[in-house]
Amino acid sequence: MRKEKTSQREEMLCNISDAMALPKDLLLGDVILTLTGNRELSMENFQGMVEYRTDYIKVKGKNGRILIQGENLLLCRYTEDEMKIKGKILQISFEK
């Protein structure tokens, strides 16, 4: 039941976004990921960092957590608005 309400809410927000020509990530609170090859990842619209190690980084978003796994991961920039990670990125996964 809860999952059904969530998808109905998301669908309604997507319709509003389309009608008002607003970016969906703004209404839904989605994290924006920009991946350059497997060596650099920029993130926007996140809520904070949960855990940081050189082999994985866990980030909190509005709709869940994002796990970045790799080798020699280095946090090059971390501000309130943006995060930039460099290293060999092997996998990106999403957790609820």
PDB file of N, CA and C in Angstrom:
ATOM      1  N   MET A   1       0.825  -1.196   0.000  1.00  0.00           N
ATOM      2  CA  MET A   1       0.000   0.000   0.000  1.00  0.00           C
ATOM      3  C   MET A   1       0.868   1.258   0.000  1.00  0.00           C
ATOM      4  N   ARG A   2       1.888   1.278   0.875  1.00  0.00           N
ATOM      5  CA  ARG A   2       2.763   2.449   0.964  1.00  0.00           C
ATOM      6  C   ARG A   2       3.504   2.696  -0.347  1.00  0.00           C
ATOM      7  N   LYS A   3       3.973   1.600  -0.968  1.00  0.00           N
ATOM      8  CA  LYS A   3       4.692   1.719  -2.234  1.00  0.00           C
ATOM      9  C   LYS A   3       3.780   2.301  -3.319  1.00  0.00           C
ATOM     10  N   GLU A   4       2.500   1.892  -3.293  1.00  0.00           N
ATOM     11  CA  GLU A   4       1.535   2.392  -4.272  1.00  0.00           C
ATOM     12  C   GLU A   4       1.330   3.898  -4.100  1.00  0.00           C
ATOM     13  N   LYS A   5       1.215   4.367  -2.851  1.00  0.00           N
ATOM     14  CA  LYS A   5       1.042   5.797  -2.588  1.00  0.00           C
ATOM     15  C   LYS A   5       2.267   6.584  -3.046  1.00  0.00           C
ATOM     16  N   THR A   6       3.460   6.029  -2.805  1.00  0.00           N
ATOM     17  CA  THR A   6       4.695   6.691  -3.220  1.00  0.00           C
ATOM     18  C   THR A   6       4.741   6.840  -4.731  1.00  0.00           C
ATOM     19  N   SER A   7       4.393   5.782  -5.470  1.00  0.00           N
ATOM     20  CA  SER A   7       4.439   5.873  -6.928  1.00  0.00           C
ATOM     21  C   SER A   7       3.362   6.821  -7.455  1.00  0.00           C
ATOM     22  N   GLN A   8       2.204   6.874  -6.800  1.00  0.00           N
ATOM     23  CA  GLN A   8       1.156   7.824  -7.203  1.00  0.00           C
ATOM     24  C   GLN A   8       1.633   9.257  -6.976  1.00  0.00           C
ATOM     25  N   ARG A   9       2.305   9.479  -5.849  1.00  0.00           N
ATOM     26  CA  ARG A   9       2.838  10.818  -5.536  1.00  0.00           C
ATOM     27  C   ARG A   9       3.902  11.215  -6.568  1.00  0.00           C
ATOM     28  N   GLU A  10       4.809  10.291  -6.872  1.00  0.00           N
ATOM     29  CA  GLU A  10       5.851  10.563  -7.863  1.00  0.00           C
ATOM     30  C   GLU A  10       5.249  10.859  -9.224  1.00  0.00           C
ATOM     31  N   GLU A  11       4.225  10.101  -9.605  1.00  0.00           N
ATOM     32  CA  GLU A  11       3.561  10.325 -10.888  1.00  0.00           C
ATOM     33  C   GLU A  11       2.910  11.711 -10.925  1.00  0.00           C
ATOM     34  N   MET A  12       2.254  12.083  -9.825  1.00  0.00           N
ATOM     35  CA  MET A  12       1.629  13.402  -9.749  1.00  0.00           C
ATOM     36  C   MET A  12       2.685  14.511  -9.854  1.00  0.00           C
ATOM     37  N   LEU A  13       3.807  14.352  -9.154  1.00  0.00           N
ATOM     38  CA  LEU A  13       4.874  15.359  -9.216  1.00  0.00           C
ATOM     39  C   LEU A  13       5.488  15.441 -10.614  1.00  0.00           C
ATOM     40  N   CYS A  14       5.620  14.307 -11.278  1.00  0.00           N
ATOM     41  CA  CYS A  14       6.132  14.308 -12.657  1.00  0.00           C
ATOM     42  C   CYS A  14       5.178  15.061 -13.579  1.00  0.00           C
ATOM     43  N   ASN A  15       3.870  14.850 -13.404  1.00  0.00           N
ATOM     44  CA  ASN A  15       2.879  15.560 -14.218  1.00  0.00           C
ATOM     45  C   ASN A  15       2.936  17.062 -13.965  1.00  0.00           C
ATOM     46  N   ILE A  16       3.076  17.451 -12.697  1.00  0.00           N
ATOM     47  CA  ILE A  16       3.203  18.876 -12.358  1.00  0.00           C
ATOM     48  C   ILE A  16       4.477  19.446 -12.976  1.00  0.00           C
ATOM     49  N   SER A  17       5.548  18.687 -12.869  1.00  0.00           N
ATOM     50  CA  SER A  17       6.830  19.111 -13.436  1.00  0.00           C
ATOM     51  C   SER A  17       6.712  19.352 -14.938  1.00  0.00           C
ATOM     52  N   ASP A  18       6.066  18.419 -15.635  1.00  0.00           N
ATOM     53  CA  ASP A  18       5.883  18.557 -17.087  1.00  0.00           C
ATOM     54  C   ASP A  18       5.014  19.769 -17.419  1.00  0.00           C
ATOM     55  N   ALA A  19       3.932  19.932 -16.682  1.00  0.00           N
ATOM     56  CA  ALA A  19       2.992  21.023 -16.957  1.00  0.00           C
ATOM     57  C   ALA A  19       3.632  22.393 -16.707  1.00  0.00           C
ATOM     58  N   MET A  20       4.479  22.484 -15.694  1.00  0.00           N
ATOM     59  CA  MET A  20       5.083  23.771 -15.337  1.00  0.00           C
ATOM     60  C   MET A  20       6.483  23.940 -15.926  1.00  0.00           C
ATOM     61  N   ALA A  21       6.940  22.953 -16.687  1.00  0.00           N
ATOM     62  CA  ALA A  21       8.275  22.959 -17.285  1.00  0.00           C
ATOM     63  C   ALA A  21       9.363  23.124 -16.223  1.00  0.00           C
ATOM     64  N   LEU A  22       9.198  22.411 -15.100  1.00  0.00           N
ATOM     65  CA  LEU A  22      10.190  22.416 -14.026  1.00  0.00           C
ATOM     66  C   LEU A  22      11.012  21.129 -14.091  1.00  0.00           C
ATOM     67  N   PRO A  23      12.272  21.187 -13.696  1.00  0.00           N
ATOM     68  CA  PRO A  23      13.077  19.956 -13.664  1.00  0.00           C
ATOM     69  C   PRO A  23      12.513  18.959 -12.655  1.00  0.00           C
ATOM     70  N   LYS A  24      12.441  17.697 -13.040  1.00  0.00           N
ATOM     71  CA  LYS A  24      11.889  16.667 -12.158  1.00  0.00           C
ATOM     72  C   LYS A  24      12.716  16.510 -10.885  1.00  0.00           C
ATOM     73  N   ASP A  25      14.043  16.635 -11.007  1.00  0.00           N
ATOM     74  CA  ASP A  25      14.879  16.470  -9.818  1.00  0.00           C
ATOM     75  C   ASP A  25      14.566  17.520  -8.756  1.00  0.00           C
ATOM     76  N   LEU A  26      14.111  18.685  -9.177  1.00  0.00           N
ATOM     77  CA  LEU A  26      13.758  19.744  -8.233  1.00  0.00           C
ATOM     78  C   LEU A  26      12.549  19.341  -7.389  1.00  0.00           C
ATOM     79  N   LEU A  27      11.525  18.791  -8.025  1.00  0.00           N
ATOM     80  CA  LEU A  27      10.317  18.395  -7.305  1.00  0.00           C
ATOM     81  C   LEU A  27      10.474  17.073  -6.555  1.00  0.00           C
ATOM     82  N   LEU A  28      11.172  16.125  -7.153  1.00  0.00           N
ATOM     83  CA  LEU A  28      11.296  14.800  -6.552  1.00  0.00           C
ATOM     84  C   LEU A  28      12.448  14.706  -5.555  1.00  0.00           C
ATOM     85  N   GLY A  29      13.368  15.657  -5.594  1.00  0.00           N
ATOM     86  CA  GLY A  29      14.509  15.628  -4.683  1.00  0.00           C
ATOM     87  C   GLY A  29      15.550  14.604  -5.062  1.00  0.00           C
ATOM     88  N   ASP A  30      15.604  14.242  -6.323  1.00  0.00           N
ATOM     89  CA  ASP A  30      16.573  13.244  -6.776  1.00  0.00           C
ATOM     90  C   ASP A  30      17.992  13.801  -6.766  1.00  0.00           C
ATOM     91  N   VAL A  31      18.944  12.920  -6.460  1.00  0.00           N
ATOM     92  CA  VAL A  31      20.355  13.267  -6.536  1.00  0.00           C
ATOM     93  C   VAL A  31      20.753  13.268  -8.012  1.00  0.00           C
ATOM     94  N   ILE A  32      21.539  14.252  -8.406  1.00  0.00           N
ATOM     95  CA  ILE A  32      22.021  14.342  -9.786  1.00  0.00           C
ATOM     96  C   ILE A  32      23.445  13.802  -9.825  1.00  0.00           C
ATOM     97  N   LEU A  33      23.656  12.772 -10.638  1.00  0.00           N
ATOM     98  CA  LEU A  33      24.972  12.161 -10.794  1.00  0.00           C
ATOM     99  C   LEU A  33      25.488  12.443 -12.193  1.00  0.00           C
ATOM    100  N   THR A  34      26.725  12.910 -12.275  1.00  0.00           N
ATOM    101  CA  THR A  34      27.377  13.112 -13.564  1.00  0.00           C
ATOM    102  C   THR A  34      28.669  12.306 -13.545  1.00  0.00           C
ATOM    103  N   LEU A  35      28.700  11.268 -14.360  1.00  0.00           N
ATOM    104  CA  LEU A  35      29.831  10.353 -14.397  1.00  0.00           C
ATOM    105  C   LEU A  35      30.657  10.622 -15.647  1.00  0.00           C
ATOM    106  N   THR A  36      31.949  10.815 -15.460  1.00  0.00           N
ATOM    107  CA  THR A  36      32.871  11.002 -16.577  1.00  0.00           C
ATOM    108  C   THR A  36      33.736   9.748 -16.652  1.00  0.00           C
ATOM    109  N   GLY A  37      33.407   8.902 -17.613  1.00  0.00           N
ATOM    110  CA  GLY A  37      34.097   7.619 -17.703  1.00  0.00           C
ATOM    111  C   GLY A  37      33.894   6.843 -16.417  1.00  0.00           C
ATOM    112  N   ASN A  38      34.947   6.194 -15.949  1.00  0.00           N
ATOM    113  CA  ASN A  38      34.878   5.539 -14.643  1.00  0.00           C
ATOM    114  C   ASN A  38      35.878   6.172 -13.675  1.00  0.00           C
ATOM    115  N   ARG A  39      36.294   7.418 -13.977  1.00  0.00           N
ATOM    116  CA  ARG A  39      37.332   8.081 -13.184  1.00  0.00           C
ATOM    117  C   ARG A  39      36.861   9.294 -12.386  1.00  0.00           C
ATOM    118  N   GLU A  40      35.659   9.817 -12.669  1.00  0.00           N
ATOM    119  CA  GLU A  40      35.213  11.019 -11.966  1.00  0.00           C
ATOM    120  C   GLU A  40      33.687  11.021 -11.850  1.00  0.00           C
ATOM    121  N   LEU A  41      33.205  11.382 -10.662  1.00  0.00           N
ATOM    122  CA  LEU A  41      31.775  11.451 -10.406  1.00  0.00           C
ATOM    123  C   LEU A  41      31.470  12.753  -9.687  1.00  0.00           C
ATOM    124  N   SER A  42      30.536  13.523 -10.237  1.00  0.00           N
ATOM    125  CA  SER A  42      30.046  14.731  -9.578  1.00  0.00           C
ATOM    126  C   SER A  42      28.626  14.460  -9.107  1.00  0.00           C
ATOM    127  N   MET A  43      28.315  14.923  -7.897  1.00  0.00           N
ATOM    128  CA  MET A  43      26.983  14.720  -7.325  1.00  0.00           C
ATOM    129  C   MET A  43      26.429  16.059  -6.863  1.00  0.00           C
ATOM    130  N   GLU A  44      25.137  16.245  -7.105  1.00  0.00           N
ATOM    131  CA  GLU A  44      24.434  17.437  -6.636  1.00  0.00           C
ATOM    132  C   GLU A  44      23.127  16.986  -5.993  1.00  0.00           C
ATOM    133  N   ASN A  45      22.560  17.852  -5.172  1.00  0.00           N
ATOM    134  CA  ASN A  45      21.237  17.630  -4.578  1.00  0.00           C
ATOM    135  C   ASN A  45      21.228  16.463  -3.588  1.00  0.00           C
ATOM    136  N   PHE A  46      22.335  16.269  -2.877  1.00  0.00           N
ATOM    137  CA  PHE A  46      22.424  15.226  -1.863  1.00  0.00           C
ATOM    138  C   PHE A  46      22.224  15.857  -0.482  1.00  0.00           C
ATOM    139  N   GLN A  47      22.008  15.011   0.521  1.00  0.00           N
ATOM    140  CA  GLN A  47      21.779  15.525   1.873  1.00  0.00           C
ATOM    141  C   GLN A  47      22.998  15.434   2.771  1.00  0.00           C
ATOM    142  N   GLY A  48      23.925  14.560   2.477  1.00  0.00           N
ATOM    143  CA  GLY A  48      25.125  14.456   3.297  1.00  0.00           C
ATOM    144  C   GLY A  48      25.856  13.153   3.065  1.00  0.00           C
ATOM    145  N   MET A  49      27.063  13.082   3.612  1.00  0.00           N
ATOM    146  CA  MET A  49      27.875  11.890   3.485  1.00  0.00           C
ATOM    147  C   MET A  49      27.672  11.028   4.726  1.00  0.00           C
ATOM    148  N   VAL A  50      27.497   9.745   4.520  1.00  0.00           N
ATOM    149  CA  VAL A  50      27.286   8.801   5.607  1.00  0.00           C
ATOM    150  C   VAL A  50      28.610   8.151   6.003  1.00  0.00           C
ATOM    151  N   GLU A  51      29.379   7.745   4.991  1.00  0.00           N
ATOM    152  CA  GLU A  51      30.646   7.053   5.248  1.00  0.00           C
ATOM    153  C   GLU A  51      31.607   7.286   4.091  1.00  0.00           C
ATOM    154  N   TYR A  52      32.892   7.397   4.430  1.00  0.00           N
ATOM    155  CA  TYR A  52      33.900   7.647   3.395  1.00  0.00           C
ATOM    156  C   TYR A  52      35.121   6.786   3.664  1.00  0.00           C
ATOM    157  N   ARG A  53      35.482   5.970   2.691  1.00  0.00           N
ATOM    158  CA  ARG A  53      36.713   5.185   2.699  1.00  0.00           C
ATOM    159  C   ARG A  53      37.279   5.215   1.289  1.00  0.00           C
ATOM    160  N   THR A  54      38.482   4.757   1.111  1.00  0.00           N
ATOM    161  CA  THR A  54      39.081   4.795  -0.228  1.00  0.00           C
ATOM    162  C   THR A  54      38.497   3.744  -1.161  1.00  0.00           C
ATOM    163  N   ASP A  55      37.756   2.758  -0.611  1.00  0.00           N
ATOM    164  CA  ASP A  55      37.145   1.736  -1.478  1.00  0.00           C
ATOM    165  C   ASP A  55      35.630   1.903  -1.619  1.00  0.00           C
ATOM    166  N   TYR A  56      35.009   2.744  -0.793  1.00  0.00           N
ATOM    167  CA  TYR A  56      33.593   3.064  -1.009  1.00  0.00           C
ATOM    168  C   TYR A  56      33.203   4.344  -0.287  1.00  0.00           C
ATOM    169  N   ILE A  57      32.177   4.975  -0.838  1.00  0.00           N
ATOM    170  CA  ILE A  57      31.624   6.197  -0.261  1.00  0.00           C
ATOM    171  C   ILE A  57      30.109   6.019  -0.243  1.00  0.00           C
ATOM    172  N   LYS A  58      29.500   6.292   0.903  1.00  0.00           N
ATOM    173  CA  LYS A  58      28.054   6.183   1.040  1.00  0.00           C
ATOM    174  C   LYS A  58      27.496   7.583   1.274  1.00  0.00           C
ATOM    175  N   VAL A  59      26.508   7.970   0.455  1.00  0.00           N
ATOM    176  CA  VAL A  59      25.931   9.311   0.484  1.00  0.00           C
ATOM    177  C   VAL A  59      24.425   9.207   0.712  1.00  0.00           C
ATOM    178  N   LYS A  60      23.892  10.116   1.506  1.00  0.00           N
ATOM    179  CA  LYS A  60      22.455  10.134   1.774  1.00  0.00           C
ATOM    180  C   LYS A  60      21.769  11.099   0.828  1.00  0.00           C
ATOM    181  N   GLY A  61      20.708  10.615   0.192  1.00  0.00           N
ATOM    182  CA  GLY A  61      19.854  11.445  -0.647  1.00  0.00           C
ATOM    183  C   GLY A  61      18.457  11.484  -0.043  1.00  0.00           C
ATOM    184  N   LYS A  62      17.604  12.288  -0.584  1.00  0.00           N
ATOM    185  CA  LYS A  62      16.240  12.398  -0.067  1.00  0.00           C
ATOM    186  C   LYS A  62      15.483  11.082  -0.158  1.00  0.00           C
ATOM    187  N   ASN A  63      15.737  10.325  -1.221  1.00  0.00           N
ATOM    188  CA  ASN A  63      14.987   9.096  -1.475  1.00  0.00           C
ATOM    189  C   ASN A  63      15.760   7.819  -1.166  1.00  0.00           C
ATOM    190  N   GLY A  64      16.875   7.921  -0.461  1.00  0.00           N
ATOM    191  CA  GLY A  64      17.660   6.746  -0.115  1.00  0.00           C
ATOM    192  C   GLY A  64      19.141   7.052  -0.123  1.00  0.00           C
ATOM    193  N   ARG A  65      19.926   6.003  -0.053  1.00  0.00           N
ATOM    194  CA  ARG A  65      21.384   6.158  -0.026  1.00  0.00           C
ATOM    195  C   ARG A  65      21.997   5.686  -1.342  1.00  0.00           C
ATOM    196  N   ILE A  66      23.140   6.273  -1.645  1.00  0.00           N
ATOM    197  CA  ILE A  66      23.882   5.914  -2.845  1.00  0.00           C
ATOM    198  C   ILE A  66      25.240   5.394  -2.397  1.00  0.00           C
ATOM    199  N   LEU A  67      25.630   4.237  -2.895  1.00  0.00           N
ATOM    200  CA  LEU A  67      26.902   3.621  -2.555  1.00  0.00           C
ATOM    201  C   LEU A  67      27.787   3.627  -3.793  1.00  0.00           C
ATOM    202  N   ILE A  68      28.943   4.271  -3.673  1.00  0.00           N
ATOM    203  CA  ILE A  68      29.923   4.309  -4.757  1.00  0.00           C
ATOM    204  C   ILE A  68      31.071   3.412  -4.343  1.00  0.00           C
ATOM    205  N   GLN A  69      31.336   2.378  -5.133  1.00  0.00           N
ATOM    206  CA  GLN A  69      32.422   1.451  -4.836  1.00  0.00           C
ATOM    207  C   GLN A  69      33.512   1.622  -5.875  1.00  0.00           C
ATOM    208  N   GLY A  70      34.758   1.488  -5.424  1.00  0.00           N
ATOM    209  CA  GLY A  70      35.856   1.631  -6.356  1.00  0.00           C
ATOM    210  C   GLY A  70      37.199   1.430  -5.702  1.00  0.00           C
ATOM    211  N   GLU A  71      38.221   1.955  -6.349  1.00  0.00           N
ATOM    212  CA  GLU A  71      39.596   1.861  -5.865  1.00  0.00           C
ATOM    213  C   GLU A  71      40.202   3.251  -5.820  1.00  0.00           C
ATOM    214  N   ASN A  72      40.940   3.523  -4.768  1.00  0.00           N
ATOM    215  CA  ASN A  72      41.626   4.815  -4.597  1.00  0.00           C
ATOM    216  C   ASN A  72      40.673   6.003  -4.755  1.00  0.00           C
ATOM    217  N   LEU A  73      39.493   5.892  -4.161  1.00  0.00           N
ATOM    218  CA  LEU A  73      38.513   6.975  -4.252  1.00  0.00           C
ATOM    219  C   LEU A  73      38.976   8.158  -3.414  1.00  0.00           C
ATOM    220  N   LEU A  74      38.909   9.325  -4.001  1.00  0.00           N
ATOM    221  CA  LEU A  74      39.367  10.552  -3.366  1.00  0.00           C
ATOM    222  C   LEU A  74      38.280  11.606  -3.485  1.00  0.00           C
ATOM    223  N   LEU A  75      37.928  12.190  -2.379  1.00  0.00           N
ATOM    224  CA  LEU A  75      36.936  13.258  -2.355  1.00  0.00           C
ATOM    225  C   LEU A  75      37.659  14.566  -2.666  1.00  0.00           C
ATOM    226  N   CYS A  76      37.513  15.047  -3.896  1.00  0.00           N
ATOM    227  CA  CYS A  76      38.227  16.247  -4.345  1.00  0.00           C
ATOM    228  C   CYS A  76      37.516  17.527  -3.940  1.00  0.00           C
ATOM    229  N   ARG A  77      36.215  17.480  -3.900  1.00  0.00           N
ATOM    230  CA  ARG A  77      35.432  18.660  -3.526  1.00  0.00           C
ATOM    231  C   ARG A  77      34.210  18.202  -2.752  1.00  0.00           C
ATOM    232  N   TYR A  78      33.924  18.908  -1.659  1.00  0.00           N
ATOM    233  CA  TYR A  78      32.730  18.603  -0.869  1.00  0.00           C
ATOM    234  C   TYR A  78      32.192  19.916  -0.320  1.00  0.00           C
ATOM    235  N   THR A  79      31.104  20.371  -0.914  1.00  0.00           N
ATOM    236  CA  THR A  79      30.452  21.585  -0.437  1.00  0.00           C
ATOM    237  C   THR A  79      28.997  21.244  -0.149  1.00  0.00           C
ATOM    238  N   GLU A  80      28.267  22.217   0.291  1.00  0.00           N
ATOM    239  CA  GLU A  80      26.845  22.035   0.561  1.00  0.00           C
ATOM    240  C   GLU A  80      26.078  21.665  -0.707  1.00  0.00           C
ATOM    241  N   ASP A  81      26.586  22.104  -1.857  1.00  0.00           N
ATOM    242  CA  ASP A  81      25.883  21.933  -3.125  1.00  0.00           C
ATOM    243  C   ASP A  81      26.437  20.846  -4.030  1.00  0.00           C
ATOM    244  N   GLU A  82      27.710  20.515  -3.879  1.00  0.00           N
ATOM    245  CA  GLU A  82      28.336  19.606  -4.843  1.00  0.00           C
ATOM    246  C   GLU A  82      29.410  18.754  -4.180  1.00  0.00           C
ATOM    247  N   MET A  83      29.569  17.565  -4.741  1.00  0.00           N
ATOM    248  CA  MET A  83      30.623  16.658  -4.315  1.00  0.00           C
ATOM    249  C   MET A  83      31.291  16.123  -5.571  1.00  0.00           C
ATOM    250  N   LYS A  84      32.618  16.066  -5.569  1.00  0.00           N
ATOM    251  CA  LYS A  84      33.340  15.497  -6.709  1.00  0.00           C
ATOM    252  C   LYS A  84      34.265  14.404  -6.183  1.00  0.00           C
ATOM    253  N   ILE A  85      34.134  13.227  -6.788  1.00  0.00           N
ATOM    254  CA  ILE A  85      34.908  12.057  -6.400  1.00  0.00           C
ATOM    255  C   ILE A  85      35.757  11.627  -7.586  1.00  0.00           C
ATOM    256  N   LYS A  86      37.031  11.383  -7.323  1.00  0.00           N
ATOM    257  CA  LYS A  86      37.931  10.857  -8.359  1.00  0.00           C
ATOM    258  C   LYS A  86      38.495   9.527  -7.887  1.00  0.00           C
ATOM    259  N   GLY A  87      38.893   8.713  -8.834  1.00  0.00           N
ATOM    260  CA  GLY A  87      39.425   7.386  -8.562  1.00  0.00           C
ATOM    261  C   GLY A  87      38.853   6.424  -9.584  1.00  0.00           C
ATOM    262  N   LYS A  88      39.081   5.152  -9.372  1.00  0.00           N
ATOM    263  CA  LYS A  88      38.532   4.137 -10.279  1.00  0.00           C
ATOM    264  C   LYS A  88      37.170   3.708  -9.737  1.00  0.00           C
ATOM    265  N   ILE A  89      36.101   4.173 -10.389  1.00  0.00           N
ATOM    266  CA  ILE A  89      34.741   3.865  -9.950  1.00  0.00           C
ATOM    267  C   ILE A  89      34.305   2.550 -10.590  1.00  0.00           C
ATOM    268  N   LEU A  90      33.991   1.589  -9.749  1.00  0.00           N
ATOM    269  CA  LEU A  90      33.626   0.259 -10.226  1.00  0.00           C
ATOM    270  C   LEU A  90      32.128   0.023 -10.243  1.00  0.00           C
ATOM    271  N   GLN A  91      31.423   0.635  -9.278  1.00  0.00           N
ATOM    272  CA  GLN A  91      29.978   0.376  -9.190  1.00  0.00           C
ATOM    273  C   GLN A  91      29.291   1.501  -8.433  1.00  0.00           C
ATOM    274  N   ILE A  92      28.071   1.823  -8.876  1.00  0.00           N
ATOM    275  CA  ILE A  92      27.199   2.763  -8.181  1.00  0.00           C
ATOM    276  C   ILE A  92      25.893   2.025  -7.927  1.00  0.00           C
ATOM    277  N   SER A  93      25.457   1.975  -6.664  1.00  0.00           N
ATOM    278  CA  SER A  93      24.195   1.299  -6.350  1.00  0.00           C
ATOM    279  C   SER A  93      23.334   2.189  -5.453  1.00  0.00           C
ATOM    280  N   PHE A  94      22.053   1.881  -5.446  1.00  0.00           N
ATOM    281  CA  PHE A  94      21.078   2.693  -4.719  1.00  0.00           C
ATOM    282  C   PHE A  94      20.384   1.824  -3.676  1.00  0.00           C
ATOM    283  N   GLU A  95      20.257   2.359  -2.468  1.00  0.00           N
ATOM    284  CA  GLU A  95      19.601   1.652  -1.370  1.00  0.00           C
ATOM    285  C   GLU A  95      18.425   2.496  -0.893  1.00  0.00           C
ATOM    286  N   LYS A  96      17.355   1.870  -0.499  1.00  0.00           N
ATOM    287  CA  LYS A  96      16.202   2.591   0.077  1.00  0.00           C
ATOM    288  C   LYS A  96      16.399   2.769   1.547  1.00  0.00           C
TER     289      LYS A  96
END
